[in-house]
Amino acid sequence: MFEALCPEDIDEDDTDIHCLRIDGNILEKIIQYCQYYQEEPMVPIDTKNKQTLDDAITQEFYRTYIQDFDKEELFQLIQAANYADIKPLLNLSVLALCVNINNRSKDEVLQYFK
């Protein structure tokens, strides 16, 4: 599995590459996404007049893939996809977040984001 290093365990110099700290399970999910994407790229997401993930995402793998994330994992996935510049995964994960907060009151959205 993947093991995270604490900042005090890292000996930094000018050649170090700083990267985002990602949980192993999130990294595994990103790798799973990328491997599948190589075989069957995700078609562009159509969000016009779509209210649910089922409406917006036509490919079953990508729809079920993103529905498996809870709120905290989804935030981590968005951060990691953004950091790694994986635009299709970033678009998919942000769409899932938007669907989760769509049609909620201001107080519900504030509570969602804490």
N, C-alpha and C. Protein backbone atom coordinates (compact mmCIF):
# COMPACT_ATOMS: atom_id res chain seq x y z
N MET A 1 0.83 -1.19 0.00
CA MET A 1 0.00 0.00 0.00
C MET A 1 0.87 1.25 0.00
N PHE A 2 0.21 2.37 -0.02
CA PHE A 2 0.91 3.65 -0.07
C PHE A 2 1.10 4.16 1.35
N GLU A 3 2.22 4.75 1.60
CA GLU A 3 2.53 5.25 2.93
C GLU A 3 2.86 6.73 2.84
N ALA A 4 2.20 7.51 3.67
CA ALA A 4 2.45 8.95 3.67
C ALA A 4 3.59 9.27 4.63
N LEU A 5 4.41 10.20 4.24
CA LEU A 5 5.50 10.66 5.08
C LEU A 5 5.07 11.92 5.81
N CYS A 6 5.48 12.03 7.04
CA CYS A 6 5.23 13.26 7.79
C CYS A 6 6.26 14.29 7.37
N PRO A 7 5.90 15.58 7.42
CA PRO A 7 6.85 16.61 7.00
C PRO A 7 8.19 16.55 7.73
N GLU A 8 8.18 16.14 8.99
CA GLU A 8 9.45 16.08 9.72
C GLU A 8 10.32 14.90 9.28
N ASP A 9 9.73 13.93 8.55
CA ASP A 9 10.48 12.79 8.04
C ASP A 9 11.16 13.09 6.71
N ILE A 10 10.87 14.23 6.13
CA ILE A 10 11.37 14.57 4.80
C ILE A 10 12.56 15.50 4.91
N ASP A 11 13.65 15.11 4.27
CA ASP A 11 14.84 15.94 4.21
C ASP A 11 14.80 16.71 2.90
N GLU A 12 14.51 18.00 2.99
CA GLU A 12 14.32 18.81 1.78
C GLU A 12 15.61 19.43 1.29
N ASP A 13 15.74 19.52 -0.02
CA ASP A 13 16.79 20.31 -0.65
C ASP A 13 16.21 20.87 -1.95
N ASP A 14 17.03 21.46 -2.76
CA ASP A 14 16.55 22.12 -3.97
C ASP A 14 15.99 21.17 -5.02
N THR A 15 16.26 19.88 -4.91
CA THR A 15 15.79 18.93 -5.92
C THR A 15 14.50 18.24 -5.52
N ASP A 16 13.96 18.54 -4.35
CA ASP A 16 12.74 17.89 -3.91
C ASP A 16 11.55 18.35 -4.74
N ILE A 17 10.65 17.43 -4.96
CA ILE A 17 9.40 17.72 -5.65
C ILE A 17 8.30 17.69 -4.61
N HIS A 18 7.61 18.78 -4.48
CA HIS A 18 6.51 18.85 -3.52
C HIS A 18 5.24 18.35 -4.19
N CYS A 19 4.57 17.44 -3.51
CA CYS A 19 3.33 16.92 -4.07
C CYS A 19 2.26 16.86 -2.99
N LEU A 20 1.05 16.80 -3.44
CA LEU A 20 -0.11 16.76 -2.58
C LEU A 20 -0.12 15.45 -1.79
N ARG A 21 -0.50 15.53 -0.56
CA ARG A 21 -0.62 14.34 0.27
C ARG A 21 -1.98 13.70 -0.03
N ILE A 22 -1.96 12.51 -0.59
CA ILE A 22 -3.16 11.83 -1.03
C ILE A 22 -3.28 10.51 -0.28
N ASP A 23 -4.48 10.22 0.25
CA ASP A 23 -4.71 8.93 0.89
C ASP A 23 -4.54 7.82 -0.13
N GLY A 24 -4.07 6.68 0.34
CA GLY A 24 -3.83 5.55 -0.55
C GLY A 24 -5.07 5.09 -1.29
N ASN A 25 -6.23 5.09 -0.59
CA ASN A 25 -7.45 4.63 -1.26
C ASN A 25 -7.88 5.59 -2.37
N ILE A 26 -7.64 6.88 -2.18
CA ILE A 26 -7.96 7.86 -3.22
C ILE A 26 -7.01 7.69 -4.40
N LEU A 27 -5.74 7.48 -4.12
CA LEU A 27 -4.77 7.26 -5.19
C LEU A 27 -5.12 6.00 -5.98
N GLU A 28 -5.53 4.96 -5.30
CA GLU A 28 -5.95 3.74 -5.99
C GLU A 28 -7.14 4.00 -6.89
N LYS A 29 -8.10 4.79 -6.42
CA LYS A 29 -9.27 5.13 -7.23
C LYS A 29 -8.89 5.97 -8.45
N ILE A 30 -7.92 6.86 -8.27
CA ILE A 30 -7.44 7.66 -9.41
C ILE A 30 -6.78 6.77 -10.45
N ILE A 31 -5.97 5.84 -9.99
CA ILE A 31 -5.32 4.89 -10.90
C ILE A 31 -6.37 4.05 -11.62
N GLN A 32 -7.38 3.59 -10.90
CA GLN A 32 -8.47 2.82 -11.50
C GLN A 32 -9.16 3.65 -12.59
N TYR A 33 -9.43 4.91 -12.30
CA TYR A 33 -10.05 5.80 -13.28
C TYR A 33 -9.17 5.93 -14.53
N CYS A 34 -7.90 6.21 -14.31
CA CYS A 34 -6.98 6.43 -15.44
C CYS A 34 -6.83 5.18 -16.29
N GLN A 35 -6.77 4.01 -15.66
CA GLN A 35 -6.65 2.76 -16.42
C GLN A 35 -7.89 2.54 -17.28
N TYR A 36 -9.06 2.77 -16.69
CA TYR A 36 -10.28 2.59 -17.47
C TYR A 36 -10.37 3.64 -18.58
N TYR A 37 -9.98 4.85 -18.27
CA TYR A 37 -10.01 5.94 -19.23
C TYR A 37 -9.16 5.63 -20.47
N GLN A 38 -8.05 4.91 -20.26
CA GLN A 38 -7.20 4.52 -21.39
C GLN A 38 -7.94 3.58 -22.34
N GLU A 39 -8.80 2.72 -21.79
CA GLU A 39 -9.54 1.76 -22.60
C GLU A 39 -10.79 2.39 -23.22
N GLU A 40 -11.50 3.18 -22.42
CA GLU A 40 -12.73 3.81 -22.88
C GLU A 40 -12.80 5.24 -22.34
N PRO A 41 -12.32 6.20 -23.12
CA PRO A 41 -12.36 7.59 -22.64
C PRO A 41 -13.78 8.04 -22.32
N MET A 42 -13.86 8.93 -21.38
CA MET A 42 -15.14 9.46 -20.96
C MET A 42 -15.65 10.45 -22.02
N VAL A 43 -16.89 10.29 -22.41
CA VAL A 43 -17.47 11.24 -23.36
C VAL A 43 -17.73 12.55 -22.62
N PRO A 44 -17.73 13.67 -23.33
CA PRO A 44 -17.98 14.94 -22.66
C PRO A 44 -19.31 14.91 -21.91
N ILE A 45 -19.31 15.52 -20.76
CA ILE A 45 -20.50 15.53 -19.91
C ILE A 45 -21.44 16.65 -20.37
N ASP A 46 -22.68 16.30 -20.60
CA ASP A 46 -23.69 17.27 -20.98
C ASP A 46 -24.50 17.62 -19.73
N THR A 47 -24.35 18.84 -19.26
CA THR A 47 -25.03 19.24 -18.02
C THR A 47 -26.26 20.10 -18.25
N LYS A 48 -26.56 20.42 -19.50
CA LYS A 48 -27.73 21.26 -19.77
C LYS A 48 -29.00 20.50 -19.42
N ASN A 49 -29.81 21.13 -18.57
CA ASN A 49 -31.10 20.58 -18.15
C ASN A 49 -30.98 19.21 -17.50
N LYS A 50 -29.85 18.95 -16.87
CA LYS A 50 -29.65 17.67 -16.19
C LYS A 50 -29.65 17.93 -14.68
N GLN A 51 -30.37 17.12 -13.94
CA GLN A 51 -30.48 17.31 -12.50
C GLN A 51 -29.78 16.24 -11.69
N THR A 52 -29.48 15.11 -12.31
CA THR A 52 -28.86 14.00 -11.59
C THR A 52 -27.64 13.49 -12.36
N LEU A 53 -26.83 12.72 -11.67
CA LEU A 53 -25.68 12.10 -12.33
C LEU A 53 -26.14 11.12 -13.39
N ASP A 54 -27.23 10.42 -13.14
CA ASP A 54 -27.75 9.47 -14.11
C ASP A 54 -28.12 10.15 -15.42
N ASP A 55 -28.62 11.39 -15.32
CA ASP A 55 -28.99 12.14 -16.52
C ASP A 55 -27.76 12.66 -17.26
N ALA A 56 -26.76 13.10 -16.52
CA ALA A 56 -25.60 13.78 -17.12
C ALA A 56 -24.51 12.84 -17.61
N ILE A 57 -24.35 11.70 -16.96
CA ILE A 57 -23.26 10.78 -17.30
C ILE A 57 -23.84 9.54 -17.97
N THR A 58 -23.52 9.36 -19.22
CA THR A 58 -24.12 8.27 -19.99
C THR A 58 -23.37 6.94 -19.85
N GLN A 59 -22.10 6.99 -19.50
CA GLN A 59 -21.32 5.75 -19.40
C GLN A 59 -21.42 5.18 -17.99
N GLU A 60 -21.82 3.93 -17.91
CA GLU A 60 -22.10 3.30 -16.62
C GLU A 60 -20.89 3.28 -15.69
N PHE A 61 -19.71 2.95 -16.21
CA PHE A 61 -18.54 2.88 -15.34
C PHE A 61 -18.32 4.20 -14.62
N TYR A 62 -18.34 5.30 -15.34
CA TYR A 62 -18.05 6.60 -14.75
C TYR A 62 -19.15 7.03 -13.78
N ARG A 63 -20.37 6.68 -14.10
CA ARG A 63 -21.48 7.02 -13.21
C ARG A 63 -21.37 6.26 -11.89
N THR A 64 -21.15 4.96 -11.95
CA THR A 64 -21.03 4.18 -10.72
C THR A 64 -19.73 4.49 -9.99
N TYR A 65 -18.69 4.78 -10.74
CA TYR A 65 -17.39 5.13 -10.14
C TYR A 65 -17.55 6.34 -9.21
N ILE A 66 -18.15 7.40 -9.69
CA ILE A 66 -18.22 8.64 -8.92
C ILE A 66 -19.25 8.53 -7.80
N GLN A 67 -20.24 7.70 -7.95
CA GLN A 67 -21.26 7.54 -6.91
C GLN A 67 -20.73 6.78 -5.70
N ASP A 68 -19.59 6.12 -5.84
CA ASP A 68 -19.01 5.35 -4.73
C ASP A 68 -18.28 6.22 -3.71
N PHE A 69 -18.10 7.51 -3.99
CA PHE A 69 -17.37 8.39 -3.09
C PHE A 69 -18.30 9.06 -2.10
N ASP A 70 -17.88 9.06 -0.82
CA ASP A 70 -18.62 9.86 0.15
C ASP A 70 -18.12 11.30 0.06
N LYS A 71 -18.70 12.18 0.85
CA LYS A 71 -18.40 13.61 0.75
C LYS A 71 -16.92 13.91 0.97
N GLU A 72 -16.34 13.36 2.01
CA GLU A 72 -14.93 13.63 2.31
C GLU A 72 -14.01 13.09 1.22
N GLU A 73 -14.30 11.90 0.74
CA GLU A 73 -13.50 11.32 -0.34
C GLU A 73 -13.63 12.15 -1.62
N LEU A 74 -14.83 12.66 -1.86
CA LEU A 74 -15.05 13.48 -3.04
C LEU A 74 -14.22 14.76 -2.99
N PHE A 75 -14.14 15.39 -1.82
CA PHE A 75 -13.30 16.57 -1.68
C PHE A 75 -11.84 16.23 -1.95
N GLN A 76 -11.37 15.10 -1.44
CA GLN A 76 -9.99 14.68 -1.68
C GLN A 76 -9.76 14.38 -3.16
N LEU A 77 -10.74 13.75 -3.79
CA LEU A 77 -10.62 13.43 -5.22
C LEU A 77 -10.53 14.71 -6.05
N ILE A 78 -11.35 15.69 -5.74
CA ILE A 78 -11.31 16.97 -6.46
C ILE A 78 -9.94 17.61 -6.31
N GLN A 79 -9.45 17.65 -5.10
CA GLN A 79 -8.14 18.26 -4.84
C GLN A 79 -7.04 17.52 -5.60
N ALA A 80 -7.06 16.20 -5.56
CA ALA A 80 -6.02 15.41 -6.22
C ALA A 80 -6.12 15.51 -7.74
N ALA A 81 -7.32 15.47 -8.29
CA ALA A 81 -7.49 15.58 -9.75
C ALA A 81 -7.05 16.95 -10.23
N ASN A 82 -7.32 17.97 -9.45
CA ASN A 82 -6.89 19.32 -9.80
C ASN A 82 -5.37 19.41 -9.75
N TYR A 83 -4.78 18.90 -8.69
CA TYR A 83 -3.32 18.94 -8.52
C TYR A 83 -2.61 18.18 -9.64
N ALA A 84 -3.16 17.00 -9.99
CA ALA A 84 -2.54 16.16 -11.02
C ALA A 84 -2.93 16.59 -12.43
N ASP A 85 -3.80 17.58 -12.53
CA ASP A 85 -4.26 18.12 -13.81
C ASP A 85 -4.91 17.03 -14.68
N ILE A 86 -5.79 16.26 -14.05
CA ILE A 86 -6.57 15.24 -14.77
C ILE A 86 -7.95 15.86 -14.99
N LYS A 87 -8.07 16.62 -16.06
CA LYS A 87 -9.27 17.42 -16.30
C LYS A 87 -10.56 16.61 -16.39
N PRO A 88 -10.61 15.48 -17.10
CA PRO A 88 -11.87 14.73 -17.14
C PRO A 88 -12.31 14.25 -15.75
N LEU A 89 -11.36 13.82 -14.94
CA LEU A 89 -11.69 13.38 -13.58
C LEU A 89 -12.11 14.57 -12.72
N LEU A 90 -11.46 15.70 -12.90
CA LEU A 90 -11.84 16.90 -12.17
C LEU A 90 -13.26 17.31 -12.55
N ASN A 91 -13.57 17.30 -13.83
CA ASN A 91 -14.92 17.65 -14.28
C ASN A 91 -15.97 16.70 -13.70
N LEU A 92 -15.65 15.42 -13.71
CA LEU A 92 -16.58 14.41 -13.18
C LEU A 92 -16.80 14.61 -11.69
N SER A 93 -15.74 14.81 -10.94
CA SER A 93 -15.86 14.95 -9.49
C SER A 93 -16.54 16.26 -9.10
N VAL A 94 -16.27 17.33 -9.81
CA VAL A 94 -16.94 18.61 -9.53
C VAL A 94 -18.43 18.50 -9.87
N LEU A 95 -18.75 17.81 -10.95
CA LEU A 95 -20.15 17.59 -11.28
C LEU A 95 -20.86 16.85 -10.15
N ALA A 96 -20.22 15.82 -9.61
CA ALA A 96 -20.82 15.07 -8.51
C ALA A 96 -21.05 15.98 -7.30
N LEU A 97 -20.09 16.85 -7.03
CA LEU A 97 -20.25 17.80 -5.92
C LEU A 97 -21.42 18.74 -6.19
N CYS A 98 -21.51 19.25 -7.40
CA CYS A 98 -22.60 20.17 -7.76
C CYS A 98 -23.96 19.50 -7.63
N VAL A 99 -24.05 18.25 -8.05
CA VAL A 99 -25.31 17.52 -7.92
C VAL A 99 -25.67 17.37 -6.45
N ASN A 100 -24.67 17.15 -5.59
CA ASN A 100 -24.92 16.98 -4.16
C ASN A 100 -25.46 18.24 -3.50
N ILE A 101 -25.10 19.40 -4.01
CA ILE A 101 -25.55 20.64 -3.37
C ILE A 101 -26.66 21.33 -4.16
N ASN A 102 -27.00 20.78 -5.32
CA ASN A 102 -28.04 21.38 -6.17
C ASN A 102 -29.39 21.37 -5.44
N ASN A 103 -30.10 22.47 -5.56
CA ASN A 103 -31.44 22.64 -4.98
C ASN A 103 -31.46 22.56 -3.46
N ARG A 104 -30.36 22.85 -2.82
CA ARG A 104 -30.32 22.93 -1.36
C ARG A 104 -30.40 24.39 -0.94
N SER A 105 -30.86 24.58 0.25
CA SER A 105 -30.94 25.95 0.78
C SER A 105 -29.53 26.43 1.14
N LYS A 106 -29.43 27.72 1.35
CA LYS A 106 -28.14 28.30 1.73
C LYS A 106 -27.60 27.64 3.00
N ASP A 107 -28.45 27.44 3.98
CA ASP A 107 -28.03 26.82 5.24
C ASP A 107 -27.57 25.38 5.02
N GLU A 108 -28.25 24.65 4.15
CA GLU A 108 -27.85 23.27 3.87
C GLU A 108 -26.50 23.22 3.17
N VAL A 109 -26.26 24.16 2.25
CA VAL A 109 -24.97 24.22 1.56
C VAL A 109 -23.86 24.58 2.54
N LEU A 110 -24.12 25.54 3.41
CA LEU A 110 -23.12 25.91 4.43
C LEU A 110 -22.81 24.73 5.34
N GLN A 111 -23.83 23.99 5.72
CA GLN A 111 -23.62 22.81 6.57
C GLN A 111 -22.86 21.73 5.80
N TYR A 112 -23.13 21.57 4.51
CA TYR A 112 -22.44 20.58 3.69
C TYR A 112 -20.94 20.84 3.67
N PHE A 113 -20.58 22.12 3.52
CA PHE A 113 -19.17 22.50 3.46
C PHE A 113 -18.56 22.76 4.82
N LYS A 114 -19.38 22.82 5.86
CA LYS A 114 -18.93 23.08 7.23
C LYS A 114 -18.11 24.34 7.30
